[in-house]
């Protein structure tokens, strides 16, 4: 059965949608991004500036591909995702990882438990992104780092037009062929087009209490990595 969420981002619908796509989630992402997802994942790992033994929380971890990248760099990583299906699939593929189910708006961790937190392409799926940013702030120690990767809006008008065409026309067509739930990827393109651009997201991060907010564009500005620090 095809399951999809909508822009109200009701929690149960979002979780069910990701449960449904979990078996083919990684391969679908690879195809839809033309393999760029690997470069984006590596860029997030570099942005964290991983040190051996560093305690990192990887939110919206999906099947644990991003968690594995951070762990390979020497971190002590906890992967966390709202979707039970994603966690189950992740533990099947990567049983050595510490993956748990949890809500980004109500994290099951104590205050100041981690040195850094990452969230890749998941913040726009949260019903209250500001609440999630505040929760991330709570569980990070003073001086700890936030790294958020999200889809964004290219500044170049030709690139913006090409990107819009791909997101609204090409991506839904491809996803219906390669995904286990093509309808879910209709929500994907809607959520991307509805999401704030780099500057707006930077302001949101700052309003949640984070400082030294910076962003770096990737892939002609279709993706941006945002970095910030919890003040001492």
C-alpha atoms as a PDB file:
ATOM      1  CA  UNK A   1       0.000   0.000   0.000  1.00  0.00           C
ATOM      2  CA  UNK A   2       1.351   3.434  -0.921  1.00  0.00           C
ATOM      3  CA  UNK A   3       1.551   5.831   2.011  1.00  0.00           C
ATOM      4  CA  UNK A   4       2.374   9.511   1.933  1.00  0.00           C
ATOM      5  CA  UNK A   5       2.437  12.490   4.263  1.00  0.00           C
ATOM      6  CA  UNK A   6       1.439  16.042   3.411  1.00  0.00           C
ATOM      7  CA  UNK A   7       2.704  19.470   4.381  1.00  0.00           C
ATOM      8  CA  UNK A   8       0.850  19.375   7.713  1.00  0.00           C
ATOM      9  CA  UNK A   9       3.576  16.817   8.642  1.00  0.00           C
ATOM     10  CA  UNK A  10       1.367  14.961  11.062  1.00  0.00           C
ATOM     11  CA  UNK A  11       3.737  12.731  12.998  1.00  0.00           C
ATOM     12  CA  UNK A  12       2.022   9.377  12.457  1.00  0.00           C
ATOM     13  CA  UNK A  13       1.688   9.939   8.710  1.00  0.00           C
ATOM     14  CA  UNK A  14       5.358  10.938   8.364  1.00  0.00           C
ATOM     15  CA  UNK A  15       6.517   7.898  10.341  1.00  0.00           C
ATOM     16  CA  UNK A  16       4.321   5.511   8.346  1.00  0.00           C
ATOM     17  CA  UNK A  17       5.563   6.976   5.073  1.00  0.00           C
ATOM     18  CA  UNK A  18       9.210   6.431   5.991  1.00  0.00           C
ATOM     19  CA  UNK A  19       8.427   2.960   7.345  1.00  0.00           C
ATOM     20  CA  UNK A  20       7.036   2.115   3.922  1.00  0.00           C
ATOM     21  CA  UNK A  21      10.027   3.360   1.911  1.00  0.00           C
ATOM     22  CA  UNK A  22      12.733   1.993   4.234  1.00  0.00           C
ATOM     23  CA  UNK A  23      13.582  -1.199   2.257  1.00  0.00           C
ATOM     24  CA  UNK A  24      14.655   0.747  -0.857  1.00  0.00           C
ATOM     25  CA  UNK A  25      15.403   4.115   0.757  1.00  0.00           C
ATOM     26  CA  UNK A  26      19.177   4.113   0.269  1.00  0.00           C
ATOM     27  CA  UNK A  27      19.161   2.943  -3.349  1.00  0.00           C
ATOM     28  CA  UNK A  28      16.372   5.397  -4.207  1.00  0.00           C
ATOM     29  CA  UNK A  29      18.353   8.291  -2.711  1.00  0.00           C
ATOM     30  CA  UNK A  30      21.442   7.270  -4.663  1.00  0.00           C
ATOM     31  CA  UNK A  31      19.528   7.217  -7.950  1.00  0.00           C
ATOM     32  CA  UNK A  32      17.559  10.432  -7.353  1.00  0.00           C
ATOM     33  CA  UNK A  33      20.707  12.392  -6.415  1.00  0.00           C
ATOM     34  CA  UNK A  34      22.852  10.833  -9.169  1.00  0.00           C
ATOM     35  CA  UNK A  35      25.167   9.561  -6.435  1.00  0.00           C
ATOM     36  CA  UNK A  36      25.784  13.000  -4.951  1.00  0.00           C
ATOM     37  CA  UNK A  37      24.406  11.783  -1.620  1.00  0.00           C
ATOM     38  CA  UNK A  38      27.822  10.213  -0.934  1.00  0.00           C
ATOM     39  CA  UNK A  39      29.615  13.550  -1.389  1.00  0.00           C
ATOM     40  CA  UNK A  40      26.999  15.324   0.742  1.00  0.00           C
ATOM     41  CA  UNK A  41      27.436  12.737   3.504  1.00  0.00           C
ATOM     42  CA  UNK A  42      31.214  13.158   3.435  1.00  0.00           C
ATOM     43  CA  UNK A  43      30.801  16.947   3.608  1.00  0.00           C
ATOM     44  CA  UNK A  44      28.665  16.620   6.752  1.00  0.00           C
ATOM     45  CA  UNK A  45      31.282  14.386   8.375  1.00  0.00           C
ATOM     46  CA  UNK A  46      33.999  16.964   7.597  1.00  0.00           C
ATOM     47  CA  UNK A  47      31.828  19.809   8.919  1.00  0.00           C
ATOM     48  CA  UNK A  48      31.473  18.053  12.276  1.00  0.00           C
ATOM     49  CA  UNK A  49      35.274  17.975  12.629  1.00  0.00           C
ATOM     50  CA  UNK A  50      35.182  14.534  14.200  1.00  0.00           C
ATOM     51  CA  UNK A  51      37.702  13.681  16.902  1.00  0.00           C
ATOM     52  CA  UNK A  52      38.294  10.123  18.160  1.00  0.00           C
ATOM     53  CA  UNK A  53      35.771   9.286  20.878  1.00  0.00           C
ATOM     54  CA  UNK A  54      33.638  12.363  20.172  1.00  0.00           C
ATOM     55  CA  UNK A  55      30.006  11.720  21.216  1.00  0.00           C
ATOM     56  CA  UNK A  56      27.705  12.561  18.303  1.00  0.00           C
ATOM     57  CA  UNK A  57      23.937  12.376  17.912  1.00  0.00           C
ATOM     58  CA  UNK A  58      22.908  11.695  14.302  1.00  0.00           C
ATOM     59  CA  UNK A  59      19.231  12.643  13.962  1.00  0.00           C
ATOM     60  CA  UNK A  60      17.035  11.546  11.046  1.00  0.00           C
ATOM     61  CA  UNK A  61      19.624   8.814  10.592  1.00  0.00           C
ATOM     62  CA  UNK A  62      17.395   6.681   8.369  1.00  0.00           C
ATOM     63  CA  UNK A  63      19.017   3.287   7.886  1.00  0.00           C
ATOM     64  CA  UNK A  64      22.248   4.492   9.469  1.00  0.00           C
ATOM     65  CA  UNK A  65      24.321   5.384   6.392  1.00  0.00           C
ATOM     66  CA  UNK A  66      25.198   8.797   7.846  1.00  0.00           C
ATOM     67  CA  UNK A  67      25.781   7.256  11.281  1.00  0.00           C
ATOM     68  CA  UNK A  68      28.211   4.776   9.775  1.00  0.00           C
ATOM     69  CA  UNK A  69      30.138   7.579   8.067  1.00  0.00           C
ATOM     70  CA  UNK A  70      30.591   9.415  11.375  1.00  0.00           C
ATOM     71  CA  UNK A  71      31.528   6.211  13.214  1.00  0.00           C
ATOM     72  CA  UNK A  72      34.117   5.374  10.564  1.00  0.00           C
ATOM     73  CA  UNK A  73      35.712   8.780  11.240  1.00  0.00           C
ATOM     74  CA  UNK A  74      36.246   7.720  14.870  1.00  0.00           C
ATOM     75  CA  UNK A  75      33.182   9.089  16.656  1.00  0.00           C
ATOM     76  CA  UNK A  76      31.002   7.434  19.295  1.00  0.00           C
ATOM     77  CA  UNK A  77      27.718   7.872  17.430  1.00  0.00           C
ATOM     78  CA  UNK A  78      24.088   7.369  18.364  1.00  0.00           C
ATOM     79  CA  UNK A  79      21.735   7.293  15.395  1.00  0.00           C
ATOM     80  CA  UNK A  80      18.142   8.319  16.032  1.00  0.00           C
ATOM     81  CA  UNK A  81      15.134   8.319  13.701  1.00  0.00           C
ATOM     82  CA  UNK A  82      11.392   8.753  14.146  1.00  0.00           C
ATOM     83  CA  UNK A  83      10.611   5.838  11.810  1.00  0.00           C
ATOM     84  CA  UNK A  84      10.564   2.383  13.384  1.00  0.00           C
ATOM     85  CA  UNK A  85      10.905   0.877   9.912  1.00  0.00           C
ATOM     86  CA  UNK A  86      14.074   2.853   9.188  1.00  0.00           C
ATOM     87  CA  UNK A  87      15.654   1.783  12.491  1.00  0.00           C
ATOM     88  CA  UNK A  88      14.684  -1.844  11.916  1.00  0.00           C
ATOM     89  CA  UNK A  89      16.167  -1.795   8.407  1.00  0.00           C
ATOM     90  CA  UNK A  90      19.277  -0.014   9.668  1.00  0.00           C
ATOM     91  CA  UNK A  91      19.897  -2.585  12.395  1.00  0.00           C
ATOM     92  CA  UNK A  92      19.422  -5.392   9.880  1.00  0.00           C
ATOM     93  CA  UNK A  93      22.058  -3.911   7.560  1.00  0.00           C
ATOM     94  CA  UNK A  94      24.388  -2.391  10.149  1.00  0.00           C
ATOM     95  CA  UNK A  95      23.969  -4.349  13.415  1.00  0.00           C
ATOM     96  CA  UNK A  96      27.179  -2.860  14.845  1.00  0.00           C
ATOM     97  CA  UNK A  97      25.636   0.630  15.032  1.00  0.00           C
ATOM     98  CA  UNK A  98      23.762   2.151  17.976  1.00  0.00           C
ATOM     99  CA  UNK A  99      20.427   3.076  16.371  1.00  0.00           C
ATOM    100  CA  UNK A 100      17.319   3.982  18.362  1.00  0.00           C
ATOM    101  CA  UNK A 101      13.864   5.301  17.619  1.00  0.00           C
ATOM    102  CA  UNK A 102      13.128   8.808  18.884  1.00  0.00           C
ATOM    103  CA  UNK A 103      11.243  12.035  18.226  1.00  0.00           C
ATOM    104  CA  UNK A 104      13.351  15.088  17.304  1.00  0.00           C
ATOM    105  CA  UNK A 105      10.838  17.288  19.125  1.00  0.00           C
ATOM    106  CA  UNK A 106      11.165  15.288  22.347  1.00  0.00           C
ATOM    107  CA  UNK A 107      14.582  13.643  22.364  1.00  0.00           C
ATOM    108  CA  UNK A 108      15.060  10.696  24.755  1.00  0.00           C
ATOM    109  CA  UNK A 109      18.428  11.983  26.013  1.00  0.00           C
ATOM    110  CA  UNK A 110      19.620  13.919  29.052  1.00  0.00           C
ATOM    111  CA  UNK A 111      20.812  17.520  28.924  1.00  0.00           C
ATOM    112  CA  UNK A 112      24.314  18.081  27.511  1.00  0.00           C
ATOM    113  CA  UNK A 113      24.768  14.415  26.544  1.00  0.00           C
ATOM    114  CA  UNK A 114      26.650  14.938  23.255  1.00  0.00           C
ATOM    115  CA  UNK A 115      29.551  16.888  21.768  1.00  0.00           C
ATOM    116  CA  UNK A 116      27.825  17.415  18.414  1.00  0.00           C
ATOM    117  CA  UNK A 117      24.523  16.802  16.662  1.00  0.00           C
ATOM    118  CA  UNK A 118      23.845  16.296  12.968  1.00  0.00           C
ATOM    119  CA  UNK A 119      20.599  16.179  11.023  1.00  0.00           C
ATOM    120  CA  UNK A 120      20.642  15.510   7.301  1.00  0.00           C
ATOM    121  CA  UNK A 121      17.526  16.116   5.170  1.00  0.00           C
ATOM    122  CA  UNK A 122      15.211  15.534   8.102  1.00  0.00           C
ATOM    123  CA  UNK A 123      14.507  18.912   9.678  1.00  0.00           C
ATOM    124  CA  UNK A 124      11.963  19.844   7.014  1.00  0.00           C
ATOM    125  CA  UNK A 125       9.994  16.662   7.883  1.00  0.00           C
ATOM    126  CA  UNK A 126       9.522  17.731  11.512  1.00  0.00           C
ATOM    127  CA  UNK A 127       6.188  19.312  12.337  1.00  0.00           C
ATOM    128  CA  UNK A 128       7.854  21.984  14.517  1.00  0.00           C
ATOM    129  CA  UNK A 129      11.442  22.576  13.306  1.00  0.00           C
ATOM    130  CA  UNK A 130      12.089  25.269  15.931  1.00  0.00           C
ATOM    131  CA  UNK A 131      11.207  22.836  18.693  1.00  0.00           C
ATOM    132  CA  UNK A 132      13.625  20.300  17.180  1.00  0.00           C
ATOM    133  CA  UNK A 133      16.429  22.885  17.051  1.00  0.00           C
ATOM    134  CA  UNK A 134      15.783  23.736  20.696  1.00  0.00           C
ATOM    135  CA  UNK A 135      15.861  20.043  21.644  1.00  0.00           C
ATOM    136  CA  UNK A 136      19.174  19.635  19.813  1.00  0.00           C
ATOM    137  CA  UNK A 137      20.492  22.635  21.743  1.00  0.00           C
ATOM    138  CA  UNK A 138      19.403  21.017  25.007  1.00  0.00           C
ATOM    139  CA  UNK A 139      21.250  17.738  24.495  1.00  0.00           C
ATOM    140  CA  UNK A 140      24.533  19.323  23.301  1.00  0.00           C
ATOM    141  CA  UNK A 141      27.196  20.447  25.758  1.00  0.00           C
ATOM    142  CA  UNK A 142      28.235  24.145  25.782  1.00  0.00           C
ATOM    143  CA  UNK A 143      30.691  24.690  22.952  1.00  0.00           C
ATOM    144  CA  UNK A 144      29.242  21.725  21.034  1.00  0.00           C
ATOM    145  CA  UNK A 145      28.519  21.823  17.323  1.00  0.00           C
ATOM    146  CA  UNK A 146      25.349  21.627  15.228  1.00  0.00           C
ATOM    147  CA  UNK A 147      25.482  20.507  11.581  1.00  0.00           C
ATOM    148  CA  UNK A 148      22.265  20.531   9.545  1.00  0.00           C
ATOM    149  CA  UNK A 149      22.188  19.532   5.877  1.00  0.00           C
ATOM    150  CA  UNK A 150      19.047  20.376   3.942  1.00  0.00           C
ATOM    151  CA  UNK A 151      17.828  20.993   0.431  1.00  0.00           C
ATOM    152  CA  UNK A 152      17.891  24.662  -0.485  1.00  0.00           C
ATOM    153  CA  UNK A 153      17.194  27.170  -3.254  1.00  0.00           C
ATOM    154  CA  UNK A 154      19.841  27.901  -5.925  1.00  0.00           C
ATOM    155  CA  UNK A 155      20.604  31.615  -6.300  1.00  0.00           C
ATOM    156  CA  UNK A 156      21.281  31.394 -10.055  1.00  0.00           C
ATOM    157  CA  UNK A 157      18.030  31.832 -12.003  1.00  0.00           C
ATOM    158  CA  UNK A 158      18.916  29.252 -14.712  1.00  0.00           C
ATOM    159  CA  UNK A 159      19.908  26.729 -12.040  1.00  0.00           C
ATOM    160  CA  UNK A 160      16.793  27.551 -10.020  1.00  0.00           C
ATOM    161  CA  UNK A 161      14.593  26.860 -13.059  1.00  0.00           C
ATOM    162  CA  UNK A 162      16.388  23.610 -13.847  1.00  0.00           C
ATOM    163  CA  UNK A 163      16.219  22.508 -10.218  1.00  0.00           C
ATOM    164  CA  UNK A 164      12.495  23.287  -9.992  1.00  0.00           C
ATOM    165  CA  UNK A 165      11.836  21.297 -13.160  1.00  0.00           C
ATOM    166  CA  UNK A 166      13.768  18.323 -11.802  1.00  0.00           C
ATOM    167  CA  UNK A 167      12.115  18.410  -8.372  1.00  0.00           C
ATOM    168  CA  UNK A 168       8.556  18.834  -9.636  1.00  0.00           C
ATOM    169  CA  UNK A 169       8.611  16.778 -12.845  1.00  0.00           C
ATOM    170  CA  UNK A 170      11.570  14.403 -13.126  1.00  0.00           C
ATOM    171  CA  UNK A 171      11.995  13.294  -9.498  1.00  0.00           C
ATOM    172  CA  UNK A 172       8.371  12.117  -9.048  1.00  0.00           C
ATOM    173  CA  UNK A 173       8.532  10.160 -12.311  1.00  0.00           C
ATOM    174  CA  UNK A 174      11.800   8.400 -11.405  1.00  0.00           C
ATOM    175  CA  UNK A 175      10.686   7.672  -7.841  1.00  0.00           C
ATOM    176  CA  UNK A 176       7.564   5.874  -9.040  1.00  0.00           C
ATOM    177  CA  UNK A 177       9.846   3.428 -10.851  1.00  0.00           C
ATOM    178  CA  UNK A 178      12.653   2.890  -8.326  1.00  0.00           C
ATOM    179  CA  UNK A 179      10.984   3.426  -4.923  1.00  0.00           C
ATOM    180  CA  UNK A 180       8.908   0.971  -2.932  1.00  0.00           C
ATOM    181  CA  UNK A 181       6.357   3.791  -2.494  1.00  0.00           C
ATOM    182  CA  UNK A 182       6.257   6.335  -5.311  1.00  0.00           C
ATOM    183  CA  UNK A 183       3.515   8.392  -3.629  1.00  0.00           C
ATOM    184  CA  UNK A 184       5.837   9.159  -0.724  1.00  0.00           C
ATOM    185  CA  UNK A 185       8.165  10.984  -3.095  1.00  0.00           C
ATOM    186  CA  UNK A 186       5.338  13.285  -4.165  1.00  0.00           C
ATOM    187  CA  UNK A 187       5.576  14.561  -0.600  1.00  0.00           C
ATOM    188  CA  UNK A 188       9.352  14.809  -0.989  1.00  0.00           C
ATOM    189  CA  UNK A 189       9.196  17.331  -3.810  1.00  0.00           C
ATOM    190  CA  UNK A 190       6.387  19.278  -2.095  1.00  0.00           C
ATOM    191  CA  UNK A 191       8.360  19.528   1.153  1.00  0.00           C
ATOM    192  CA  UNK A 192      11.524  20.648  -0.670  1.00  0.00           C
ATOM    193  CA  UNK A 193       9.721  23.389  -2.580  1.00  0.00           C
ATOM    194  CA  UNK A 194       7.989  24.575   0.615  1.00  0.00           C
ATOM    195  CA  UNK A 195      11.178  24.662   2.722  1.00  0.00           C
ATOM    196  CA  UNK A 196      12.937  27.985   3.623  1.00  0.00           C
ATOM    197  CA  UNK A 197      16.139  28.923   1.843  1.00  0.00           C
ATOM    198  CA  UNK A 198      19.621  29.116   3.400  1.00  0.00           C
ATOM    199  CA  UNK A 199      19.220  32.566   4.947  1.00  0.00           C
ATOM    200  CA  UNK A 200      15.833  31.827   6.495  1.00  0.00           C
ATOM    201  CA  UNK A 201      17.046  28.567   7.980  1.00  0.00           C
ATOM    202  CA  UNK A 202      20.121  30.349   9.375  1.00  0.00           C
ATOM    203  CA  UNK A 203      17.847  32.842  11.138  1.00  0.00           C
ATOM    204  CA  UNK A 204      15.763  29.993  12.552  1.00  0.00           C
ATOM    205  CA  UNK A 205      18.884  28.291  13.915  1.00  0.00           C
ATOM    206  CA  UNK A 206      19.978  31.536  15.556  1.00  0.00           C
ATOM    207  CA  UNK A 207      16.549  32.076  17.098  1.00  0.00           C
ATOM    208  CA  UNK A 208      16.852  28.644  18.738  1.00  0.00           C
ATOM    209  CA  UNK A 209      19.915  29.903  20.656  1.00  0.00           C
ATOM    210  CA  UNK A 210      22.780  28.701  18.458  1.00  0.00           C
ATOM    211  CA  UNK A 211      25.612  31.119  17.596  1.00  0.00           C
ATOM    212  CA  UNK A 212      28.259  31.447  14.862  1.00  0.00           C
ATOM    213  CA  UNK A 213      25.708  30.244  12.302  1.00  0.00           C
ATOM    214  CA  UNK A 214      27.248  29.659   8.881  1.00  0.00           C
ATOM    215  CA  UNK A 215      26.172  27.859   5.746  1.00  0.00           C
ATOM    216  CA  UNK A 216      27.973  26.356   2.785  1.00  0.00           C
ATOM    217  CA  UNK A 217      26.249  25.573  -0.538  1.00  0.00           C
ATOM    218  CA  UNK A 218      26.738  22.241  -2.289  1.00  0.00           C
ATOM    219  CA  UNK A 219      25.759  21.096  -5.784  1.00  0.00           C
ATOM    220  CA  UNK A 220      25.128  24.582  -7.175  1.00  0.00           C
ATOM    221  CA  UNK A 221      23.120  25.601  -4.112  1.00  0.00           C
ATOM    222  CA  UNK A 222      20.558  22.797  -4.277  1.00  0.00           C
ATOM    223  CA  UNK A 223      21.829  21.659  -0.869  1.00  0.00           C
ATOM    224  CA  UNK A 224      23.307  23.649   2.017  1.00  0.00           C
ATOM    225  CA  UNK A 225      25.214  22.568   5.103  1.00  0.00           C
ATOM    226  CA  UNK A 226      24.523  24.793   8.113  1.00  0.00           C
ATOM    227  CA  UNK A 227      26.943  24.893  11.044  1.00  0.00           C
ATOM    228  CA  UNK A 228      26.497  26.507  14.443  1.00  0.00           C
ATOM    229  CA  UNK A 229      27.749  26.266  18.015  1.00  0.00           C
ATOM    230  CA  UNK A 230      26.052  26.163  21.408  1.00  0.00           C
ATOM    231  CA  UNK A 231      27.564  29.130  23.301  1.00  0.00           C
ATOM    232  CA  UNK A 232      29.785  28.505  26.314  1.00  0.00           C
END
